[in-house]
Amino acid sequence: MAMEAAIGFVKADGARLTAYTCMEEYPYMASGDAGHPRRKAFEEQEAERARARLEEVVAAARAAGVPCATDMTATVPYKGIIDAAARHQCDVIFMASHGRRGLDALLVGSETQKVLTHCRVPVLVYR
């Protein structure tokens, strides 16, 4: 699993880990929607899911003796990854690739490919 590989990579170098996750954005774009209870419930659920994902990484890092900070935003994933790397002054981005190929990669798009294309920080892709 990529999480264990990232923790091992960081531990071997004596570095620190910053775990990042991107919350899904609310799927509807109505301007008067900002205070709607459905939107608020969606955003609260997404934040809870994100915190749970990050806590899993923090617990695993702690067990391995690796210092771990966390970050989460609700934005386009590749932009969030690049911005988080800049905010935390990361030397490398370690990310998993879902391994989509062919038509799936073309239609779905690859966040990994977008990070590789737009980022100045070195990216290590785990497959």
N, C-alpha and C. Protein backbone atom coordinates (compact mmCIF):
# COMPACT_ATOMS: atom_id res chain seq x y z
N MET A 1 0.83 -1.17 0.00
CA MET A 1 0.00 0.00 0.00
C MET A 1 0.88 1.24 0.00
N ALA A 2 0.42 2.28 -0.67
CA ALA A 2 1.20 3.50 -0.85
C ALA A 2 1.51 4.19 0.47
N MET A 3 0.57 4.15 1.41
CA MET A 3 0.79 4.81 2.69
C MET A 3 2.00 4.22 3.41
N GLU A 4 2.08 2.89 3.47
CA GLU A 4 3.21 2.26 4.13
C GLU A 4 4.51 2.55 3.39
N ALA A 5 4.45 2.56 2.08
CA ALA A 5 5.65 2.86 1.28
C ALA A 5 6.13 4.29 1.54
N ALA A 6 5.20 5.23 1.61
CA ALA A 6 5.57 6.62 1.86
C ALA A 6 6.19 6.77 3.24
N ILE A 7 5.60 6.12 4.23
CA ILE A 7 6.13 6.19 5.59
C ILE A 7 7.53 5.58 5.63
N GLY A 8 7.72 4.46 4.97
CA GLY A 8 9.04 3.84 4.91
C GLY A 8 10.05 4.72 4.21
N PHE A 9 9.64 5.37 3.15
CA PHE A 9 10.51 6.28 2.39
C PHE A 9 10.96 7.44 3.28
N VAL A 10 10.02 8.02 3.98
CA VAL A 10 10.31 9.15 4.86
C VAL A 10 11.19 8.72 6.03
N LYS A 11 10.87 7.58 6.62
CA LYS A 11 11.63 7.10 7.78
C LYS A 11 13.08 6.81 7.41
N ALA A 12 13.30 6.22 6.24
CA ALA A 12 14.66 5.88 5.81
C ALA A 12 15.53 7.12 5.67
N ASP A 13 14.91 8.26 5.38
CA ASP A 13 15.65 9.50 5.18
C ASP A 13 15.66 10.37 6.43
N GLY A 14 14.90 9.97 7.46
CA GLY A 14 14.83 10.78 8.67
C GLY A 14 14.08 12.08 8.45
N ALA A 15 13.17 12.08 7.50
CA ALA A 15 12.43 13.29 7.14
C ALA A 15 11.09 13.33 7.87
N ARG A 16 10.31 14.34 7.58
CA ARG A 16 8.96 14.45 8.12
C ARG A 16 7.95 14.21 7.00
N LEU A 17 6.77 13.83 7.38
CA LEU A 17 5.71 13.50 6.43
C LEU A 17 4.59 14.52 6.58
N THR A 18 4.06 14.96 5.47
CA THR A 18 2.85 15.78 5.47
C THR A 18 1.81 15.02 4.66
N ALA A 19 0.77 14.58 5.32
CA ALA A 19 -0.31 13.85 4.64
C ALA A 19 -1.34 14.85 4.17
N TYR A 20 -1.74 14.74 2.92
CA TYR A 20 -2.72 15.67 2.34
C TYR A 20 -3.86 14.87 1.73
N THR A 21 -5.06 15.38 1.89
CA THR A 21 -6.20 14.81 1.19
C THR A 21 -7.08 15.95 0.69
N CYS A 22 -7.73 15.70 -0.41
CA CYS A 22 -8.60 16.68 -1.03
C CYS A 22 -10.04 16.26 -0.83
N MET A 23 -10.81 17.12 -0.19
CA MET A 23 -12.23 16.83 -0.01
C MET A 23 -12.97 17.09 -1.32
N GLU A 24 -13.98 16.29 -1.56
CA GLU A 24 -14.79 16.53 -2.75
C GLU A 24 -15.55 17.83 -2.56
N GLU A 25 -15.66 18.57 -3.66
CA GLU A 25 -16.42 19.80 -3.61
C GLU A 25 -17.90 19.49 -3.79
N TYR A 26 -18.73 20.35 -3.26
CA TYR A 26 -20.17 20.20 -3.40
C TYR A 26 -20.50 20.17 -4.89
N PRO A 27 -21.26 19.18 -5.35
CA PRO A 27 -21.44 18.97 -6.79
C PRO A 27 -22.38 19.94 -7.49
N TYR A 28 -23.04 20.81 -6.76
CA TYR A 28 -23.98 21.73 -7.40
C TYR A 28 -23.45 23.15 -7.31
N MET A 29 -23.68 23.91 -8.33
CA MET A 29 -23.09 25.25 -8.42
C MET A 29 -24.14 26.36 -8.38
N ALA A 30 -25.09 26.31 -7.50
CA ALA A 30 -26.08 27.38 -7.40
C ALA A 30 -25.53 28.49 -6.50
N SER A 31 -25.67 29.74 -6.91
CA SER A 31 -25.09 30.84 -6.16
C SER A 31 -25.76 31.03 -4.79
N GLY A 32 -27.05 30.75 -4.68
CA GLY A 32 -27.74 30.91 -3.41
C GLY A 32 -27.67 29.68 -2.53
N ASP A 33 -26.79 28.76 -2.87
CA ASP A 33 -26.70 27.45 -2.22
C ASP A 33 -25.80 27.44 -0.99
N ALA A 34 -25.08 28.51 -0.75
CA ALA A 34 -24.03 28.50 0.27
C ALA A 34 -24.51 28.08 1.65
N GLY A 35 -25.68 28.51 2.08
CA GLY A 35 -26.14 28.17 3.41
C GLY A 35 -27.17 27.06 3.44
N HIS A 36 -27.38 26.40 2.32
CA HIS A 36 -28.40 25.36 2.24
C HIS A 36 -28.02 24.17 3.14
N PRO A 37 -28.99 23.63 3.89
CA PRO A 37 -28.68 22.51 4.80
C PRO A 37 -28.08 21.29 4.10
N ARG A 38 -28.51 21.01 2.88
CA ARG A 38 -27.97 19.86 2.16
C ARG A 38 -26.49 20.07 1.86
N ARG A 39 -26.15 21.28 1.45
CA ARG A 39 -24.74 21.58 1.16
C ARG A 39 -23.92 21.50 2.45
N LYS A 40 -24.44 22.06 3.52
CA LYS A 40 -23.72 22.04 4.80
C LYS A 40 -23.50 20.60 5.25
N ALA A 41 -24.50 19.75 5.12
CA ALA A 41 -24.37 18.35 5.51
C ALA A 41 -23.33 17.64 4.65
N PHE A 42 -23.35 17.92 3.34
CA PHE A 42 -22.37 17.33 2.43
C PHE A 42 -20.95 17.73 2.85
N GLU A 43 -20.75 19.01 3.09
CA GLU A 43 -19.42 19.50 3.44
C GLU A 43 -18.95 18.93 4.79
N GLU A 44 -19.86 18.79 5.74
CA GLU A 44 -19.50 18.20 7.03
C GLU A 44 -19.10 16.73 6.87
N GLN A 45 -19.85 15.99 6.03
CA GLN A 45 -19.51 14.58 5.78
C GLN A 45 -18.15 14.46 5.11
N GLU A 46 -17.90 15.30 4.12
CA GLU A 46 -16.61 15.27 3.43
C GLU A 46 -15.47 15.59 4.38
N ALA A 47 -15.66 16.57 5.23
CA ALA A 47 -14.61 16.93 6.19
C ALA A 47 -14.35 15.77 7.14
N GLU A 48 -15.40 15.09 7.57
CA GLU A 48 -15.23 13.94 8.47
C GLU A 48 -14.49 12.80 7.77
N ARG A 49 -14.85 12.54 6.52
CA ARG A 49 -14.13 11.50 5.75
C ARG A 49 -12.66 11.85 5.59
N ALA A 50 -12.40 13.12 5.29
CA ALA A 50 -11.01 13.57 5.11
C ALA A 50 -10.23 13.42 6.41
N ARG A 51 -10.82 13.84 7.52
CA ARG A 51 -10.14 13.71 8.81
C ARG A 51 -9.85 12.24 9.12
N ALA A 52 -10.78 11.36 8.81
CA ALA A 52 -10.58 9.92 9.06
C ALA A 52 -9.43 9.38 8.22
N ARG A 53 -9.36 9.79 6.94
CA ARG A 53 -8.25 9.35 6.08
C ARG A 53 -6.92 9.84 6.63
N LEU A 54 -6.89 11.10 7.04
CA LEU A 54 -5.65 11.66 7.56
C LEU A 54 -5.25 11.02 8.88
N GLU A 55 -6.22 10.74 9.73
CA GLU A 55 -5.92 10.11 11.02
C GLU A 55 -5.31 8.72 10.82
N GLU A 56 -5.76 8.03 9.78
CA GLU A 56 -5.18 6.71 9.48
C GLU A 56 -3.69 6.85 9.17
N VAL A 57 -3.34 7.86 8.39
CA VAL A 57 -1.93 8.08 8.06
C VAL A 57 -1.14 8.51 9.30
N VAL A 58 -1.71 9.42 10.08
CA VAL A 58 -1.04 9.89 11.30
C VAL A 58 -0.77 8.73 12.25
N ALA A 59 -1.75 7.86 12.43
CA ALA A 59 -1.57 6.71 13.33
C ALA A 59 -0.48 5.78 12.82
N ALA A 60 -0.46 5.51 11.54
CA ALA A 60 0.57 4.64 10.97
C ALA A 60 1.96 5.28 11.07
N ALA A 61 2.02 6.59 10.82
CA ALA A 61 3.31 7.30 10.93
C ALA A 61 3.79 7.29 12.38
N ARG A 62 2.87 7.54 13.30
CA ARG A 62 3.23 7.55 14.72
C ARG A 62 3.78 6.18 15.14
N ALA A 63 3.13 5.12 14.68
CA ALA A 63 3.57 3.77 15.01
C ALA A 63 4.97 3.49 14.47
N ALA A 64 5.31 4.14 13.36
CA ALA A 64 6.63 3.96 12.76
C ALA A 64 7.65 4.96 13.28
N GLY A 65 7.22 5.87 14.15
CA GLY A 65 8.13 6.88 14.69
C GLY A 65 8.44 7.99 13.72
N VAL A 66 7.51 8.28 12.82
CA VAL A 66 7.71 9.33 11.81
C VAL A 66 6.82 10.52 12.14
N PRO A 67 7.41 11.73 12.23
CA PRO A 67 6.59 12.91 12.47
C PRO A 67 5.67 13.17 11.27
N CYS A 68 4.41 13.52 11.56
CA CYS A 68 3.44 13.66 10.48
C CYS A 68 2.52 14.84 10.72
N ALA A 69 2.50 15.77 9.78
CA ALA A 69 1.56 16.89 9.78
C ALA A 69 0.44 16.53 8.80
N THR A 70 -0.67 17.25 8.85
CA THR A 70 -1.77 16.98 7.93
C THR A 70 -2.26 18.27 7.30
N ASP A 71 -2.93 18.11 6.17
CA ASP A 71 -3.52 19.23 5.46
C ASP A 71 -4.67 18.69 4.62
N MET A 72 -5.73 19.49 4.49
CA MET A 72 -6.84 19.11 3.62
C MET A 72 -7.50 20.37 3.10
N THR A 73 -7.95 20.29 1.87
CA THR A 73 -8.68 21.40 1.26
C THR A 73 -9.77 20.81 0.36
N ALA A 74 -10.66 21.69 -0.07
CA ALA A 74 -11.69 21.31 -1.03
C ALA A 74 -11.42 22.10 -2.30
N THR A 75 -10.80 21.45 -3.24
CA THR A 75 -10.43 22.11 -4.50
C THR A 75 -10.22 21.04 -5.55
N VAL A 76 -9.71 21.41 -6.68
CA VAL A 76 -9.33 20.45 -7.71
C VAL A 76 -8.13 19.68 -7.16
N PRO A 77 -8.17 18.35 -7.14
CA PRO A 77 -7.12 17.58 -6.46
C PRO A 77 -5.69 17.93 -6.84
N TYR A 78 -5.37 18.01 -8.12
CA TYR A 78 -3.97 18.26 -8.47
C TYR A 78 -3.51 19.62 -7.98
N LYS A 79 -4.39 20.61 -8.03
CA LYS A 79 -4.02 21.94 -7.53
C LYS A 79 -3.84 21.92 -6.02
N GLY A 80 -4.69 21.19 -5.33
CA GLY A 80 -4.57 21.07 -3.89
C GLY A 80 -3.26 20.43 -3.49
N ILE A 81 -2.85 19.39 -4.21
CA ILE A 81 -1.59 18.70 -3.94
C ILE A 81 -0.41 19.65 -4.13
N ILE A 82 -0.41 20.35 -5.23
CA ILE A 82 0.69 21.28 -5.53
C ILE A 82 0.73 22.42 -4.51
N ASP A 83 -0.43 22.98 -4.18
CA ASP A 83 -0.49 24.07 -3.20
C ASP A 83 -0.06 23.60 -1.81
N ALA A 84 -0.48 22.40 -1.42
CA ALA A 84 -0.09 21.86 -0.10
C ALA A 84 1.43 21.66 -0.05
N ALA A 85 2.00 21.17 -1.13
CA ALA A 85 3.46 20.97 -1.17
C ALA A 85 4.19 22.30 -1.00
N ALA A 86 3.65 23.35 -1.60
CA ALA A 86 4.27 24.67 -1.45
C ALA A 86 4.09 25.20 -0.03
N ARG A 87 2.88 25.07 0.51
CA ARG A 87 2.60 25.56 1.87
C ARG A 87 3.50 24.91 2.91
N HIS A 88 3.76 23.62 2.73
CA HIS A 88 4.53 22.86 3.72
C HIS A 88 6.01 22.73 3.33
N GLN A 89 6.40 23.41 2.27
CA GLN A 89 7.79 23.41 1.80
C GLN A 89 8.32 21.99 1.63
N CYS A 90 7.54 21.18 0.94
CA CYS A 90 7.91 19.77 0.71
C CYS A 90 9.04 19.68 -0.30
N ASP A 91 9.94 18.74 -0.07
CA ASP A 91 11.05 18.49 -0.99
C ASP A 91 10.66 17.52 -2.09
N VAL A 92 9.67 16.68 -1.81
CA VAL A 92 9.21 15.69 -2.79
C VAL A 92 7.74 15.39 -2.50
N ILE A 93 7.01 15.08 -3.56
CA ILE A 93 5.63 14.64 -3.43
C ILE A 93 5.61 13.15 -3.71
N PHE A 94 5.09 12.39 -2.78
CA PHE A 94 4.97 10.93 -2.92
C PHE A 94 3.50 10.67 -3.12
N MET A 95 3.14 10.14 -4.27
CA MET A 95 1.72 9.89 -4.51
C MET A 95 1.50 8.57 -5.24
N ALA A 96 0.35 7.99 -4.99
CA ALA A 96 -0.01 6.74 -5.64
C ALA A 96 -0.61 7.02 -7.00
N SER A 97 -0.42 6.09 -7.88
CA SER A 97 -1.06 6.15 -9.19
C SER A 97 -2.11 5.05 -9.21
N HIS A 98 -3.28 5.38 -9.70
CA HIS A 98 -4.34 4.37 -9.80
C HIS A 98 -4.10 3.44 -10.98
N GLY A 99 -3.15 3.78 -11.83
CA GLY A 99 -2.79 2.90 -12.94
C GLY A 99 -3.79 2.86 -14.07
N ARG A 100 -4.59 3.92 -14.21
CA ARG A 100 -5.54 3.94 -15.33
C ARG A 100 -4.77 4.09 -16.62
N ARG A 101 -5.21 3.37 -17.61
CA ARG A 101 -4.54 3.41 -18.92
C ARG A 101 -5.57 3.54 -20.02
N GLY A 102 -5.06 3.86 -21.17
CA GLY A 102 -5.92 3.88 -22.36
C GLY A 102 -7.06 4.87 -22.24
N LEU A 103 -8.23 4.45 -22.68
CA LEU A 103 -9.39 5.32 -22.73
C LEU A 103 -9.79 5.82 -21.34
N ASP A 104 -9.70 4.96 -20.32
CA ASP A 104 -10.04 5.39 -18.96
C ASP A 104 -9.19 6.58 -18.52
N ALA A 105 -7.90 6.52 -18.77
CA ALA A 105 -7.01 7.61 -18.38
C ALA A 105 -7.34 8.87 -19.16
N LEU A 106 -7.71 8.72 -20.41
CA LEU A 106 -8.04 9.87 -21.23
C LEU A 106 -9.35 10.51 -20.78
N LEU A 107 -10.36 9.70 -20.52
CA LEU A 107 -11.66 10.22 -20.15
C LEU A 107 -11.72 10.69 -18.70
N VAL A 108 -11.17 9.93 -17.79
CA VAL A 108 -11.23 10.27 -16.38
C VAL A 108 -10.22 11.35 -16.05
N GLY A 109 -9.10 11.34 -16.71
CA GLY A 109 -8.03 12.27 -16.40
C GLY A 109 -7.17 11.69 -15.29
N SER A 110 -5.96 12.07 -15.22
CA SER A 110 -5.05 11.54 -14.22
C SER A 110 -4.53 12.68 -13.36
N GLU A 111 -4.91 12.64 -12.08
CA GLU A 111 -4.40 13.67 -11.16
C GLU A 111 -2.89 13.57 -11.06
N THR A 112 -2.38 12.35 -11.09
CA THR A 112 -0.93 12.16 -11.03
C THR A 112 -0.26 12.84 -12.22
N GLN A 113 -0.80 12.64 -13.40
CA GLN A 113 -0.24 13.26 -14.61
C GLN A 113 -0.31 14.78 -14.51
N LYS A 114 -1.40 15.31 -13.99
CA LYS A 114 -1.53 16.76 -13.85
C LYS A 114 -0.51 17.31 -12.85
N VAL A 115 -0.29 16.59 -11.76
CA VAL A 115 0.72 17.03 -10.79
C VAL A 115 2.10 17.00 -11.46
N LEU A 116 2.39 15.92 -12.17
CA LEU A 116 3.69 15.82 -12.86
C LEU A 116 3.88 16.96 -13.86
N THR A 117 2.82 17.33 -14.54
CA THR A 117 2.89 18.36 -15.57
C THR A 117 3.04 19.76 -14.99
N HIS A 118 2.36 20.05 -13.88
CA HIS A 118 2.27 21.42 -13.39
C HIS A 118 3.14 21.74 -12.18
N CYS A 119 3.79 20.76 -11.61
CA CYS A 119 4.51 20.96 -10.36
C CYS A 119 6.01 21.09 -10.58
N ARG A 120 6.63 21.94 -9.78
CA ARG A 120 8.09 22.09 -9.85
C ARG A 120 8.80 21.23 -8.81
N VAL A 121 8.03 20.71 -7.86
CA VAL A 121 8.59 19.83 -6.83
C VAL A 121 8.71 18.42 -7.43
N PRO A 122 9.80 17.72 -7.16
CA PRO A 122 9.92 16.33 -7.66
C PRO A 122 8.76 15.46 -7.16
N VAL A 123 8.30 14.57 -8.02
CA VAL A 123 7.16 13.70 -7.69
C VAL A 123 7.61 12.25 -7.80
N LEU A 124 7.39 11.48 -6.74
CA LEU A 124 7.68 10.06 -6.75
C LEU A 124 6.33 9.35 -6.85
N VAL A 125 6.12 8.59 -7.92
CA VAL A 125 4.84 7.92 -8.15
C VAL A 125 4.97 6.46 -7.74
N TYR A 126 4.09 6.05 -6.83
CA TYR A 126 4.07 4.68 -6.33
C TYR A 126 3.00 3.89 -7.06
N ARG A 127 3.37 2.76 -7.64
CA ARG A 127 2.39 1.92 -8.37
C ARG A 127 2.33 0.57 -7.74
